[in-house]
Amino acid sequence: MGFSSLHAQLLSIPPYVVACSLVFLVSWNSDRTLQRGYPIMGVCGIGMLGYIFLLANDHVGLRYTGAVLVACGVYPIIPLTLSWVSNNQLGHTKRGVAIAMTSMIAQCFSMLGTQIYRTEDAPRYIKGHAICLVFLGIAACSAALLRSLLARENRKRDEAYGVVDESDINYGEMMTGAHLDGLYDKHPQFRYAL
């Protein structure tokens, strides 16, 4: 953005501070409301707005605001996604494999980032920002689709087994595998986290 290396290093602090604060705020709210899909869609929207700002023009203030919004949109997705995957898998082995696969797929996409942000595209990185904008859009649509599919499955389970009151569910026992009779996520009381 045209800053000296010292100023560039100092200006990298605010995006991370704001993003770190948002990670805690969004994660706390997601845990309080027992929702994962809506917060993921929301932070994807924030990140997409940031990339739009980065692509819009050469104005330094707008691009810096875009960098802050991108950090705020990208970093909360990680704990939200990992907790969503973890909440919807019962059994230690299944949960461990699901988290490992999610992390592995995410790392494959991070390697893609090294290929799309090339020094010859500096200082605007239009191609790289556009690709990241598209992927955030895909992530938001995927979260919306997954949430709707899981909500439909929960409705089917409510119709088949009756509505489960959350006070009746002992999540500690369900997570450790007690009283599951080997059914895991097929247990009549299990409902997917949305």
Protein backbone atom coordinates (compact mmCIF):
# COMPACT_ATOMS: atom_id res chain seq x y z
CA MET A 1 0.00 0.00 0.00
CA GLY A 2 3.03 2.23 -0.25
CA PHE A 3 4.16 2.30 3.40
CA SER A 4 7.71 1.90 4.64
CA SER A 5 8.50 -1.51 6.13
CA LEU A 6 8.33 -0.18 9.71
CA HIS A 7 4.95 1.49 9.16
CA ALA A 8 3.69 -1.58 7.33
CA GLN A 9 4.64 -3.74 10.31
CA LEU A 10 2.90 -1.35 12.72
CA LEU A 11 -0.19 -1.17 10.54
CA SER A 12 -0.46 -4.98 10.55
CA ILE A 13 -1.36 -4.87 14.26
CA PRO A 14 -4.91 -3.40 14.12
CA PRO A 15 -6.35 -6.00 11.70
CA TYR A 16 -5.14 -8.84 13.93
CA VAL A 17 -6.33 -7.18 17.15
CA VAL A 18 -9.79 -6.54 15.70
CA ALA A 19 -9.95 -10.04 14.17
CA CYS A 20 -8.87 -11.65 17.46
CA SER A 21 -11.56 -9.73 19.33
CA LEU A 22 -14.15 -10.78 16.76
CA VAL A 23 -13.06 -14.43 17.01
CA PHE A 24 -13.79 -14.40 20.74
CA LEU A 25 -17.05 -12.47 20.34
CA VAL A 26 -18.43 -14.59 17.50
CA SER A 27 -17.32 -17.86 19.11
CA TRP A 28 -18.90 -16.88 22.43
CA ASN A 29 -22.16 -15.88 20.73
CA SER A 30 -22.17 -19.03 18.61
CA ASP A 31 -21.74 -21.16 21.71
CA ARG A 32 -24.41 -19.22 23.61
CA THR A 33 -26.99 -19.54 20.81
CA LEU A 34 -25.89 -23.07 19.76
CA GLN A 35 -25.65 -21.88 16.15
CA ARG A 36 -22.72 -22.43 13.82
CA GLY A 37 -24.11 -21.92 10.31
CA TYR A 38 -25.40 -18.36 10.69
CA PRO A 39 -22.19 -17.03 12.28
CA ILE A 40 -20.11 -18.66 9.52
CA MET A 41 -22.32 -17.06 6.87
CA GLY A 42 -22.05 -13.70 8.65
CA VAL A 43 -18.27 -13.66 8.89
CA CYS A 44 -18.01 -14.85 5.28
CA GLY A 45 -20.07 -11.77 4.35
CA ILE A 46 -17.67 -9.54 6.30
CA GLY A 47 -14.68 -11.09 4.52
CA MET A 48 -16.36 -10.75 1.13
CA LEU A 49 -17.00 -7.06 1.80
CA GLY A 50 -13.31 -6.70 2.67
CA TYR A 51 -12.24 -8.28 -0.61
CA ILE A 52 -14.64 -6.02 -2.50
CA PHE A 53 -12.98 -3.03 -0.81
CA LEU A 54 -9.55 -4.37 -1.79
CA LEU A 55 -10.67 -4.79 -5.40
CA ALA A 56 -12.61 -1.52 -5.64
CA ASN A 57 -9.86 1.05 -6.19
CA ASP A 58 -6.40 2.28 -5.20
CA HIS A 59 -7.50 4.45 -2.24
CA VAL A 60 -5.25 3.45 0.67
CA GLY A 61 -7.89 4.02 3.37
CA LEU A 62 -10.45 1.84 1.61
CA ARG A 63 -7.90 -0.90 0.96
CA TYR A 64 -6.70 -0.84 4.57
CA THR A 65 -10.32 -1.08 5.75
CA GLY A 66 -10.69 -4.01 3.37
CA ALA A 67 -7.65 -5.70 4.91
CA VAL A 68 -9.18 -5.31 8.39
CA LEU A 69 -12.51 -6.72 7.19
CA VAL A 70 -10.81 -9.65 5.47
CA ALA A 71 -9.04 -10.58 8.70
CA CYS A 72 -12.34 -10.22 10.58
CA GLY A 73 -14.06 -12.44 8.04
CA VAL A 74 -11.47 -15.17 7.65
CA TYR A 75 -10.14 -15.88 11.14
CA PRO A 76 -13.46 -16.63 12.94
CA ILE A 77 -14.32 -19.25 10.32
CA ILE A 78 -11.64 -21.61 11.65
CA PRO A 79 -12.92 -22.18 15.21
CA LEU A 80 -16.55 -22.07 14.06
CA THR A 81 -15.99 -24.74 11.42
CA LEU A 82 -13.95 -27.00 13.69
CA SER A 83 -16.54 -26.76 16.46
CA TRP A 84 -19.37 -27.44 13.98
CA VAL A 85 -17.59 -30.54 12.72
CA SER A 86 -16.83 -31.65 16.28
CA ASN A 87 -20.41 -31.08 17.50
CA ASN A 88 -21.89 -33.22 14.75
CA GLN A 89 -19.66 -36.27 15.21
CA LEU A 90 -20.14 -38.68 18.09
CA GLY A 91 -17.43 -41.07 19.11
CA HIS A 92 -13.82 -40.13 19.61
CA THR A 93 -12.53 -41.87 16.49
CA LYS A 94 -15.14 -40.42 14.17
CA ARG A 95 -14.67 -36.93 15.63
CA GLY A 96 -10.88 -37.14 15.39
CA VAL A 97 -10.96 -38.28 11.77
CA ALA A 98 -13.51 -35.59 10.83
CA ILE A 99 -11.44 -32.81 12.41
CA ALA A 100 -8.26 -34.13 10.77
CA MET A 101 -9.94 -34.28 7.35
CA THR A 102 -11.33 -30.76 7.76
CA SER A 103 -7.90 -29.42 8.70
CA MET A 104 -6.23 -31.30 5.84
CA ILE A 105 -8.65 -29.93 3.25
CA ALA A 106 -8.21 -26.41 4.64
CA GLN A 107 -4.43 -26.71 4.36
CA CYS A 108 -4.74 -27.81 0.73
CA PHE A 109 -6.58 -24.59 0.01
CA SER A 110 -3.95 -22.56 1.86
CA MET A 111 -1.33 -23.99 -0.52
CA LEU A 112 -3.45 -22.63 -3.36
CA GLY A 113 -2.95 -19.17 -1.87
CA THR A 114 0.77 -19.33 -2.51
CA GLN A 115 0.04 -19.82 -6.19
CA ILE A 116 -2.54 -17.06 -6.66
CA TYR A 117 -0.70 -14.23 -4.89
CA ARG A 118 2.33 -13.62 -7.11
CA THR A 119 4.76 -10.73 -6.84
CA GLU A 120 4.16 -9.72 -10.45
CA ASP A 121 0.54 -8.93 -9.53
CA ALA A 122 1.63 -6.41 -6.86
CA PRO A 123 0.39 -4.05 -5.53
CA ARG A 124 -3.31 -4.75 -6.29
CA TYR A 125 -3.32 -8.60 -6.44
CA ILE A 126 -6.60 -8.47 -8.33
CA LYS A 127 -6.55 -12.12 -9.40
CA GLY A 128 -5.75 -13.39 -5.89
CA HIS A 129 -8.35 -11.17 -4.19
CA ALA A 130 -11.00 -12.17 -6.74
CA ILE A 131 -10.33 -15.89 -6.21
CA CYS A 132 -10.51 -15.47 -2.43
CA LEU A 133 -13.76 -13.52 -2.80
CA VAL A 134 -15.25 -16.37 -4.81
CA PHE A 135 -14.10 -18.97 -2.28
CA LEU A 136 -15.64 -17.00 0.60
CA GLY A 137 -18.89 -16.90 -1.38
CA ILE A 138 -18.69 -20.66 -1.87
CA ALA A 139 -18.03 -21.10 1.88
CA ALA A 140 -21.08 -18.99 2.77
CA CYS A 141 -23.29 -20.93 0.33
CA SER A 142 -21.91 -24.25 1.61
CA ALA A 143 -22.65 -23.25 5.22
CA ALA A 144 -26.20 -22.26 4.24
CA LEU A 145 -26.74 -25.54 2.39
CA LEU A 146 -25.29 -27.65 5.19
CA ARG A 147 -27.35 -25.84 7.80
CA SER A 148 -30.56 -26.36 5.84
CA LEU A 149 -29.79 -30.06 5.29
CA LEU A 150 -29.01 -30.58 8.98
CA ALA A 151 -32.18 -28.71 10.00
CA ARG A 152 -34.19 -30.96 7.68
CA GLU A 153 -32.61 -34.05 9.24
CA ASN A 154 -33.38 -32.72 12.73
CA ARG A 155 -37.04 -32.18 11.70
CA LYS A 156 -37.19 -35.77 10.42
CA ARG A 157 -35.80 -37.03 13.72
CA ASP A 158 -38.32 -34.90 15.65
CA GLU A 159 -41.14 -36.42 13.62
CA ALA A 160 -39.84 -39.97 14.05
CA TYR A 161 -38.76 -39.85 17.71
CA GLY A 162 -40.45 -36.75 19.12
CA VAL A 163 -39.00 -33.37 19.99
CA VAL A 164 -36.09 -33.62 22.38
CA ASP A 165 -35.96 -31.06 25.13
CA GLU A 166 -32.37 -29.90 25.58
CA SER A 167 -32.70 -30.30 29.35
CA ASP A 168 -33.34 -34.03 28.78
CA ILE A 169 -30.07 -34.52 26.91
CA ASN A 170 -26.93 -35.15 28.89
CA TYR A 171 -24.36 -33.88 26.39
CA GLY A 172 -21.48 -35.01 28.59
CA GLU A 173 -22.64 -38.61 28.45
CA MET A 174 -23.48 -38.33 24.78
CA MET A 175 -20.04 -36.95 23.92
CA THR A 176 -18.19 -39.60 25.93
CA GLY A 177 -20.24 -42.39 24.37
CA ALA A 178 -22.17 -43.47 27.46
CA HIS A 179 -25.79 -44.59 26.94
CA LEU A 180 -25.41 -44.57 23.18
CA ASP A 181 -25.68 -48.33 22.83
CA GLY A 182 -23.27 -48.16 19.92
CA LEU A 183 -25.63 -45.94 17.91
CA TYR A 184 -23.61 -42.71 18.08
CA ASP A 185 -25.26 -40.16 15.76
CA LYS A 186 -28.10 -42.61 15.00
CA HIS A 187 -29.23 -42.35 18.64
CA PRO A 188 -32.87 -41.14 18.87
CA GLN A 189 -31.91 -38.24 21.14
CA PHE A 190 -29.07 -36.96 18.97
CA ARG A 191 -29.75 -33.76 17.01
CA TYR A 192 -27.28 -32.04 14.72
CA ALA A 193 -25.85 -28.67 15.71
CA LEU A 194 -27.02 -26.02 13.32
